[in-house]
């Protein structure tokens, strides 16, 4: 995952990732192994991608009525549902181009983001990508919208 300037996430074979971690430290870079359930966004996910392709081929889809961005291309999805299906499958084995995507979104005029999960991860990443983007976090439920 290319998260932000200065922050990337490696995925793949555990031995290769351990070696990369060691080399990062040897070159003065900070590396933190993450506990994850799988080697997401790497070739190790190909069997899952194949299964997803089969499922999506049988799934009714419509062209989006608003802009939906692809983490694979860092651009808006095309309106063609077959292209969207393909990008969704590629998402499982391709790097997440988060930094490029966020920079492109800001360049396209999308300067306001909403973080729909607890924490401030998106806000921190956006500070590194483009400080002009405003990120609103929702750590706590809005009491004015409580039922």
N, C-alpha and C. Protein backbone atom coordinates (compact mmCIF):
# COMPACT_ATOMS: atom_id res chain seq x y z
N UNK A 1 0.86 -1.18 0.00
CA UNK A 1 0.00 0.00 0.00
C UNK A 1 0.89 1.23 0.00
N UNK A 2 0.62 2.12 -0.91
CA UNK A 2 1.35 3.38 -0.97
C UNK A 2 0.45 4.41 -0.27
N UNK A 3 0.57 4.44 1.07
CA UNK A 3 -0.37 5.20 1.90
C UNK A 3 -0.18 6.70 1.86
N UNK A 4 1.07 7.15 1.96
CA UNK A 4 1.39 8.57 2.01
C UNK A 4 2.89 8.71 1.85
N UNK A 5 3.35 9.91 1.52
CA UNK A 5 4.80 10.09 1.48
C UNK A 5 5.42 9.64 2.81
N UNK A 6 6.38 8.74 2.72
CA UNK A 6 7.04 8.24 3.92
C UNK A 6 6.35 7.06 4.57
N UNK A 7 5.22 6.60 4.03
CA UNK A 7 4.54 5.45 4.62
C UNK A 7 4.06 4.49 3.54
N UNK A 8 4.69 3.33 3.51
CA UNK A 8 4.26 2.26 2.62
C UNK A 8 4.06 1.00 3.44
N UNK A 9 3.24 0.11 2.93
CA UNK A 9 2.99 -1.17 3.58
C UNK A 9 3.35 -2.25 2.58
N UNK A 10 4.22 -3.15 2.98
CA UNK A 10 4.61 -4.27 2.13
C UNK A 10 3.73 -5.47 2.45
N UNK A 11 3.44 -6.24 1.42
CA UNK A 11 2.64 -7.44 1.59
C UNK A 11 3.23 -8.53 0.73
N UNK A 12 3.15 -9.75 1.21
CA UNK A 12 3.66 -10.86 0.42
C UNK A 12 4.10 -12.00 1.31
N UNK A 13 5.09 -12.72 0.84
CA UNK A 13 5.65 -13.85 1.57
C UNK A 13 6.23 -13.38 2.90
N UNK A 14 5.93 -14.11 3.97
CA UNK A 14 6.37 -13.68 5.31
C UNK A 14 7.88 -13.62 5.43
N UNK A 15 8.61 -14.53 4.78
CA UNK A 15 10.07 -14.51 4.84
C UNK A 15 10.60 -13.26 4.13
N UNK A 16 10.03 -12.94 2.97
CA UNK A 16 10.45 -11.76 2.23
C UNK A 16 10.14 -10.48 3.00
N UNK A 17 8.98 -10.43 3.63
CA UNK A 17 8.62 -9.24 4.43
C UNK A 17 9.55 -9.09 5.62
N UNK A 18 9.91 -10.19 6.27
CA UNK A 18 10.84 -10.14 7.40
C UNK A 18 12.20 -9.61 6.93
N UNK A 19 12.66 -10.04 5.75
CA UNK A 19 13.94 -9.57 5.21
C UNK A 19 13.86 -8.08 4.89
N UNK A 20 12.74 -7.65 4.32
CA UNK A 20 12.55 -6.22 4.04
C UNK A 20 12.57 -5.41 5.32
N UNK A 21 11.95 -5.92 6.37
CA UNK A 21 11.95 -5.26 7.67
C UNK A 21 13.38 -5.10 8.18
N UNK A 22 14.16 -6.16 8.07
CA UNK A 22 15.56 -6.14 8.51
C UNK A 22 16.36 -5.12 7.70
N UNK A 23 16.18 -5.09 6.39
CA UNK A 23 16.91 -4.16 5.54
C UNK A 23 16.52 -2.71 5.81
N UNK A 24 15.25 -2.49 6.08
CA UNK A 24 14.82 -1.13 6.42
C UNK A 24 15.56 -0.62 7.65
N UNK A 25 15.59 -1.44 8.67
CA UNK A 25 16.29 -1.06 9.89
C UNK A 25 17.77 -0.82 9.64
N UNK A 26 18.37 -1.65 8.82
CA UNK A 26 19.80 -1.50 8.52
C UNK A 26 20.10 -0.21 7.76
N UNK A 27 19.10 0.34 7.08
CA UNK A 27 19.28 1.58 6.32
C UNK A 27 18.69 2.79 7.03
N UNK A 28 18.39 2.64 8.32
CA UNK A 28 17.92 3.76 9.11
C UNK A 28 16.44 4.10 8.96
N UNK A 29 15.68 3.19 8.40
CA UNK A 29 14.24 3.43 8.25
C UNK A 29 13.49 2.66 9.32
N UNK A 30 12.40 3.21 9.76
CA UNK A 30 11.57 2.52 10.74
C UNK A 30 10.63 1.57 10.01
N UNK A 31 10.56 0.36 10.49
CA UNK A 31 9.66 -0.64 9.92
C UNK A 31 8.94 -1.33 11.06
N UNK A 32 7.66 -1.52 10.89
CA UNK A 32 6.84 -2.15 11.92
C UNK A 32 6.06 -3.30 11.31
N UNK A 33 6.37 -4.53 11.68
CA UNK A 33 5.56 -5.65 11.18
C UNK A 33 4.12 -5.52 11.67
N UNK A 34 3.17 -5.75 10.78
CA UNK A 34 1.76 -5.67 11.12
C UNK A 34 1.18 -7.07 11.23
N UNK A 35 0.31 -7.25 12.19
CA UNK A 35 -0.40 -8.53 12.33
C UNK A 35 -1.63 -8.46 11.45
N UNK A 36 -1.65 -9.25 10.40
CA UNK A 36 -2.77 -9.26 9.47
C UNK A 36 -3.19 -10.70 9.19
N UNK A 37 -4.38 -10.85 8.66
CA UNK A 37 -4.92 -12.19 8.41
C UNK A 37 -4.44 -12.79 7.09
N UNK A 38 -3.84 -11.98 6.23
CA UNK A 38 -3.40 -12.50 4.95
C UNK A 38 -2.49 -11.52 4.24
N UNK A 39 -1.91 -11.99 3.14
CA UNK A 39 -1.00 -11.16 2.33
C UNK A 39 -1.83 -10.37 1.31
N UNK A 40 -2.69 -9.49 1.83
CA UNK A 40 -3.60 -8.74 0.98
C UNK A 40 -2.84 -7.85 0.01
N UNK A 41 -3.42 -7.62 -1.15
CA UNK A 41 -2.86 -6.77 -2.19
C UNK A 41 -1.52 -7.31 -2.70
N UNK A 42 -1.41 -8.62 -2.76
CA UNK A 42 -0.23 -9.27 -3.33
C UNK A 42 -0.67 -10.48 -4.14
N UNK A 43 0.28 -11.06 -4.85
CA UNK A 43 0.00 -12.24 -5.68
C UNK A 43 -0.54 -13.41 -4.86
N UNK A 44 -0.28 -13.42 -3.55
CA UNK A 44 -0.78 -14.48 -2.69
C UNK A 44 -2.32 -14.50 -2.61
N UNK A 45 -2.96 -13.45 -3.08
CA UNK A 45 -4.42 -13.36 -3.03
C UNK A 45 -5.07 -13.79 -4.35
N UNK A 46 -4.30 -14.37 -5.26
CA UNK A 46 -4.84 -14.69 -6.58
C UNK A 46 -6.03 -15.64 -6.52
N UNK A 47 -6.00 -16.65 -5.66
CA UNK A 47 -7.14 -17.58 -5.60
C UNK A 47 -8.40 -16.85 -5.12
N UNK A 48 -8.25 -15.92 -4.20
CA UNK A 48 -9.40 -15.12 -3.75
C UNK A 48 -9.88 -14.22 -4.89
N UNK A 49 -8.94 -13.67 -5.66
CA UNK A 49 -9.31 -12.82 -6.79
C UNK A 49 -10.08 -13.62 -7.83
N UNK A 50 -9.65 -14.86 -8.07
CA UNK A 50 -10.35 -15.72 -9.03
C UNK A 50 -11.78 -15.99 -8.56
N UNK A 51 -11.93 -16.27 -7.27
CA UNK A 51 -13.27 -16.51 -6.71
C UNK A 51 -14.13 -15.26 -6.78
N UNK A 52 -13.53 -14.10 -6.49
CA UNK A 52 -14.28 -12.85 -6.57
C UNK A 52 -14.71 -12.58 -8.01
N UNK A 53 -13.85 -12.87 -8.97
CA UNK A 53 -14.20 -12.66 -10.38
C UNK A 53 -15.41 -13.49 -10.76
N UNK A 54 -15.45 -14.73 -10.30
CA UNK A 54 -16.60 -15.60 -10.60
C UNK A 54 -17.88 -15.04 -9.98
N UNK A 55 -17.78 -14.61 -8.73
CA UNK A 55 -18.96 -14.07 -8.05
C UNK A 55 -19.43 -12.77 -8.70
N UNK A 56 -18.49 -11.88 -9.02
CA UNK A 56 -18.88 -10.61 -9.64
C UNK A 56 -19.48 -10.80 -11.03
N UNK A 57 -19.02 -11.83 -11.74
CA UNK A 57 -19.57 -12.11 -13.07
C UNK A 57 -21.06 -12.45 -12.99
N UNK A 58 -21.47 -12.99 -11.85
CA UNK A 58 -22.88 -13.38 -11.65
C UNK A 58 -23.68 -12.32 -10.90
N UNK A 59 -23.03 -11.22 -10.54
CA UNK A 59 -23.66 -10.18 -9.74
C UNK A 59 -24.16 -9.05 -10.62
N UNK A 60 -25.42 -8.71 -10.49
CA UNK A 60 -25.98 -7.58 -11.24
C UNK A 60 -25.37 -6.29 -10.73
N UNK A 61 -24.90 -5.47 -11.65
CA UNK A 61 -24.31 -4.18 -11.28
C UNK A 61 -24.81 -3.12 -12.24
N UNK A 62 -24.82 -1.88 -11.77
CA UNK A 62 -25.18 -0.74 -12.61
C UNK A 62 -24.04 0.25 -12.58
N UNK A 63 -23.97 1.07 -13.60
CA UNK A 63 -22.96 2.13 -13.63
C UNK A 63 -23.21 3.07 -12.45
N UNK A 64 -22.15 3.55 -11.82
CA UNK A 64 -22.34 4.47 -10.69
C UNK A 64 -22.96 5.79 -11.16
N UNK A 65 -23.74 6.38 -10.27
CA UNK A 65 -24.36 7.67 -10.57
C UNK A 65 -23.57 8.82 -9.96
N UNK A 66 -22.49 8.49 -9.25
CA UNK A 66 -21.59 9.51 -8.72
C UNK A 66 -20.17 8.96 -8.88
N UNK A 67 -19.19 9.81 -8.67
CA UNK A 67 -17.81 9.39 -8.82
C UNK A 67 -17.40 8.37 -7.77
N UNK A 68 -16.84 7.26 -8.23
CA UNK A 68 -16.29 6.22 -7.36
C UNK A 68 -14.86 5.99 -7.82
N UNK A 69 -13.93 6.12 -6.90
CA UNK A 69 -12.52 6.04 -7.26
C UNK A 69 -11.96 4.65 -7.03
N UNK A 70 -11.01 4.28 -7.86
CA UNK A 70 -10.35 2.98 -7.78
C UNK A 70 -9.00 3.11 -7.09
N UNK A 71 -8.74 2.27 -6.10
CA UNK A 71 -7.44 2.24 -5.44
C UNK A 71 -6.37 1.63 -6.35
N UNK A 72 -6.80 0.91 -7.38
CA UNK A 72 -5.85 0.28 -8.31
C UNK A 72 -5.27 1.30 -9.27
N UNK A 73 -6.14 2.16 -9.82
CA UNK A 73 -5.70 3.14 -10.83
C UNK A 73 -5.49 4.53 -10.26
N UNK A 74 -6.01 4.80 -9.08
CA UNK A 74 -5.97 6.13 -8.46
C UNK A 74 -6.74 7.15 -9.31
N UNK A 75 -7.73 6.65 -10.04
CA UNK A 75 -8.60 7.50 -10.87
C UNK A 75 -10.05 7.03 -10.67
N UNK A 76 -11.00 7.85 -11.12
CA UNK A 76 -12.38 7.39 -11.02
C UNK A 76 -12.61 6.14 -11.86
N UNK A 77 -13.47 5.27 -11.37
CA UNK A 77 -13.87 4.11 -12.16
C UNK A 77 -14.52 4.58 -13.44
N UNK A 78 -14.38 3.80 -14.49
CA UNK A 78 -15.12 4.04 -15.72
C UNK A 78 -16.58 3.69 -15.45
N UNK A 79 -17.46 4.11 -16.33
CA UNK A 79 -18.88 3.80 -16.12
C UNK A 79 -19.22 2.38 -16.54
N UNK A 80 -18.35 1.72 -17.28
CA UNK A 80 -18.57 0.36 -17.75
C UNK A 80 -18.47 -0.62 -16.58
N UNK A 81 -19.55 -1.37 -16.31
CA UNK A 81 -19.56 -2.27 -15.16
C UNK A 81 -18.54 -3.39 -15.31
N UNK A 82 -18.22 -3.82 -16.54
CA UNK A 82 -17.19 -4.85 -16.70
C UNK A 82 -15.82 -4.33 -16.26
N UNK A 83 -15.55 -3.07 -16.54
CA UNK A 83 -14.30 -2.46 -16.08
C UNK A 83 -14.27 -2.37 -14.56
N UNK A 84 -15.39 -2.01 -13.96
CA UNK A 84 -15.47 -1.93 -12.50
C UNK A 84 -15.25 -3.30 -11.88
N UNK A 85 -15.88 -4.32 -12.45
CA UNK A 85 -15.65 -5.68 -11.96
C UNK A 85 -14.16 -6.02 -12.00
N UNK A 86 -13.52 -5.71 -13.13
CA UNK A 86 -12.10 -6.03 -13.28
C UNK A 86 -11.25 -5.29 -12.25
N UNK A 87 -11.51 -4.02 -12.02
CA UNK A 87 -10.73 -3.25 -11.02
C UNK A 87 -10.94 -3.82 -9.63
N UNK A 88 -12.18 -4.25 -9.30
CA UNK A 88 -12.44 -4.83 -7.98
C UNK A 88 -11.66 -6.13 -7.79
N UNK A 89 -11.55 -6.92 -8.83
CA UNK A 89 -10.76 -8.15 -8.76
C UNK A 89 -9.28 -7.81 -8.63
N UNK A 90 -8.82 -6.86 -9.42
CA UNK A 90 -7.41 -6.45 -9.35
C UNK A 90 -7.04 -5.90 -7.98
N UNK A 91 -8.02 -5.32 -7.29
CA UNK A 91 -7.78 -4.74 -5.97
C UNK A 91 -7.18 -5.76 -5.01
N UNK A 92 -7.55 -7.01 -5.15
CA UNK A 92 -7.06 -8.03 -4.23
C UNK A 92 -5.57 -8.34 -4.40
N UNK A 93 -5.05 -8.14 -5.61
CA UNK A 93 -3.65 -8.51 -5.87
C UNK A 93 -2.76 -7.33 -6.23
N UNK A 94 -3.32 -6.14 -6.26
CA UNK A 94 -2.56 -4.94 -6.66
C UNK A 94 -2.29 -4.04 -5.46
N UNK A 95 -1.23 -3.24 -5.57
CA UNK A 95 -0.98 -2.26 -4.51
C UNK A 95 -2.13 -1.26 -4.40
N UNK A 96 -2.39 -0.81 -3.19
CA UNK A 96 -3.37 0.25 -2.96
C UNK A 96 -2.63 1.57 -3.18
N UNK A 97 -3.07 2.35 -4.15
CA UNK A 97 -2.42 3.62 -4.48
C UNK A 97 -3.13 4.77 -3.75
N UNK A 98 -3.22 4.64 -2.43
CA UNK A 98 -3.97 5.59 -1.60
C UNK A 98 -3.43 7.01 -1.74
N UNK A 99 -2.13 7.17 -1.64
CA UNK A 99 -1.53 8.50 -1.72
C UNK A 99 -1.82 9.15 -3.07
N UNK A 100 -1.60 8.41 -4.15
CA UNK A 100 -1.88 8.94 -5.49
C UNK A 100 -3.36 9.28 -5.65
N UNK A 101 -4.21 8.38 -5.13
CA UNK A 101 -5.65 8.60 -5.27
C UNK A 101 -6.09 9.84 -4.52
N UNK A 102 -5.65 10.00 -3.29
CA UNK A 102 -6.05 11.17 -2.50
C UNK A 102 -5.52 12.46 -3.13
N UNK A 103 -4.29 12.44 -3.61
CA UNK A 103 -3.72 13.62 -4.27
C UNK A 103 -4.53 13.97 -5.51
N UNK A 104 -4.91 12.96 -6.29
CA UNK A 104 -5.70 13.19 -7.50
C UNK A 104 -7.09 13.71 -7.15
N UNK A 105 -7.67 13.20 -6.08
CA UNK A 105 -8.99 13.67 -5.67
C UNK A 105 -8.95 15.14 -5.26
N UNK A 106 -7.91 15.53 -4.52
CA UNK A 106 -7.78 16.93 -4.12
C UNK A 106 -7.56 17.79 -5.36
N UNK A 107 -6.72 17.32 -6.27
CA UNK A 107 -6.46 18.04 -7.52
C UNK A 107 -7.75 18.23 -8.32
N UNK A 108 -8.67 17.25 -8.23
CA UNK A 108 -9.95 17.31 -8.94
C UNK A 108 -10.98 18.17 -8.19
N UNK A 109 -10.59 18.72 -7.04
CA UNK A 109 -11.48 19.61 -6.31
C UNK A 109 -12.16 19.01 -5.10
N UNK A 110 -11.88 17.75 -4.81
CA UNK A 110 -12.48 17.09 -3.64
C UNK A 110 -11.58 17.36 -2.43
N UNK A 111 -11.81 18.48 -1.76
CA UNK A 111 -10.91 18.90 -0.68
C UNK A 111 -11.49 18.64 0.70
N UNK A 112 -12.64 18.00 0.78
CA UNK A 112 -13.26 17.70 2.05
C UNK A 112 -13.50 16.20 2.14
N UNK A 113 -12.97 15.58 3.19
CA UNK A 113 -13.09 14.13 3.37
C UNK A 113 -13.75 13.84 4.71
N UNK A 114 -14.44 12.72 4.79
CA UNK A 114 -15.06 12.28 6.03
C UNK A 114 -14.51 10.93 6.39
N UNK A 115 -13.95 10.83 7.59
CA UNK A 115 -13.44 9.56 8.10
C UNK A 115 -14.57 8.89 8.86
N UNK A 116 -15.05 7.78 8.30
CA UNK A 116 -16.24 7.14 8.85
C UNK A 116 -15.93 6.05 9.85
N UNK A 117 -14.80 6.13 10.49
CA UNK A 117 -14.41 5.14 11.49
C UNK A 117 -13.73 5.87 12.64
N UNK A 118 -13.68 5.21 13.79
CA UNK A 118 -12.98 5.82 14.91
C UNK A 118 -11.51 6.05 14.57
N UNK A 119 -10.94 7.04 15.19
CA UNK A 119 -9.53 7.33 15.00
C UNK A 119 -9.30 8.44 14.01
N UNK A 120 -8.02 8.69 13.76
CA UNK A 120 -7.65 9.80 12.89
C UNK A 120 -6.60 9.36 11.87
N UNK A 121 -6.69 8.11 11.42
CA UNK A 121 -5.72 7.59 10.46
C UNK A 121 -5.78 8.39 9.16
N UNK A 122 -6.97 8.57 8.61
CA UNK A 122 -7.11 9.31 7.36
C UNK A 122 -6.59 10.74 7.50
N UNK A 123 -6.92 11.37 8.59
CA UNK A 123 -6.46 12.75 8.82
C UNK A 123 -4.92 12.81 8.80
N UNK A 124 -4.29 11.86 9.46
CA UNK A 124 -2.83 11.83 9.49
C UNK A 124 -2.23 11.59 8.12
N UNK A 125 -2.82 10.68 7.36
CA UNK A 125 -2.32 10.43 6.01
C UNK A 125 -2.51 11.65 5.12
N UNK A 126 -3.68 12.28 5.22
CA UNK A 126 -3.94 13.45 4.38
C UNK A 126 -3.01 14.61 4.72
N UNK A 127 -2.58 14.73 5.96
CA UNK A 127 -1.61 15.77 6.31
C UNK A 127 -0.32 15.58 5.52
N UNK A 128 0.05 14.32 5.28
CA UNK A 128 1.26 14.04 4.52
C UNK A 128 1.04 14.20 3.02
N UNK A 129 -0.18 13.94 2.56
CA UNK A 129 -0.48 13.96 1.13
C UNK A 129 -0.76 15.38 0.65
N UNK A 130 -1.66 16.08 1.33
CA UNK A 130 -2.02 17.44 0.95
C UNK A 130 -2.70 18.11 2.14
N UNK A 131 -2.03 19.06 2.72
CA UNK A 131 -2.55 19.74 3.91
C UNK A 131 -3.77 20.61 3.62
N UNK A 132 -4.05 20.86 2.35
CA UNK A 132 -5.22 21.68 2.01
C UNK A 132 -6.53 20.92 2.17
N UNK A 133 -6.46 19.60 2.20
CA UNK A 133 -7.68 18.80 2.35
C UNK A 133 -8.15 18.83 3.81
N UNK A 134 -9.44 18.99 3.99
CA UNK A 134 -10.02 19.01 5.33
C UNK A 134 -10.62 17.63 5.61
N UNK A 135 -10.27 17.04 6.73
CA UNK A 135 -10.78 15.73 7.10
C UNK A 135 -11.61 15.86 8.36
N UNK A 136 -12.85 15.40 8.31
CA UNK A 136 -13.73 15.39 9.46
C UNK A 136 -13.81 13.96 9.96
N UNK A 137 -13.46 13.76 11.22
CA UNK A 137 -13.51 12.42 11.82
C UNK A 137 -14.78 12.26 12.64
N UNK A 138 -15.20 11.03 12.78
CA UNK A 138 -16.40 10.73 13.56
C UNK A 138 -16.04 9.70 14.63
N UNK A 139 -15.28 10.15 15.62
CA UNK A 139 -14.88 9.25 16.71
C UNK A 139 -16.03 8.90 17.63
N UNK A 140 -16.93 9.83 17.81
CA UNK A 140 -18.06 9.64 18.70
C UNK A 140 -19.34 9.92 17.92
N UNK A 141 -20.42 9.23 18.27
CA UNK A 141 -21.70 9.53 17.60
C UNK A 141 -22.10 10.98 17.84
N UNK A 142 -22.68 11.59 16.85
CA UNK A 142 -23.16 12.96 16.94
C UNK A 142 -24.41 12.97 17.82
N UNK A 143 -24.38 13.60 19.00
CA UNK A 143 -25.54 13.57 19.90
C UNK A 143 -26.78 14.23 19.31
N UNK A 144 -26.59 15.10 18.32
CA UNK A 144 -27.75 15.76 17.70
C UNK A 144 -28.49 14.82 16.77
N UNK A 145 -27.86 13.67 16.43
CA UNK A 145 -28.49 12.71 15.55
C UNK A 145 -28.83 11.40 16.27
N UNK A 146 -28.76 11.41 17.58
CA UNK A 146 -29.09 10.19 18.35
C UNK A 146 -30.58 9.93 18.29
N UNK A 147 -30.94 8.66 18.28
CA UNK A 147 -32.37 8.35 18.24
C UNK A 147 -32.82 7.83 19.58
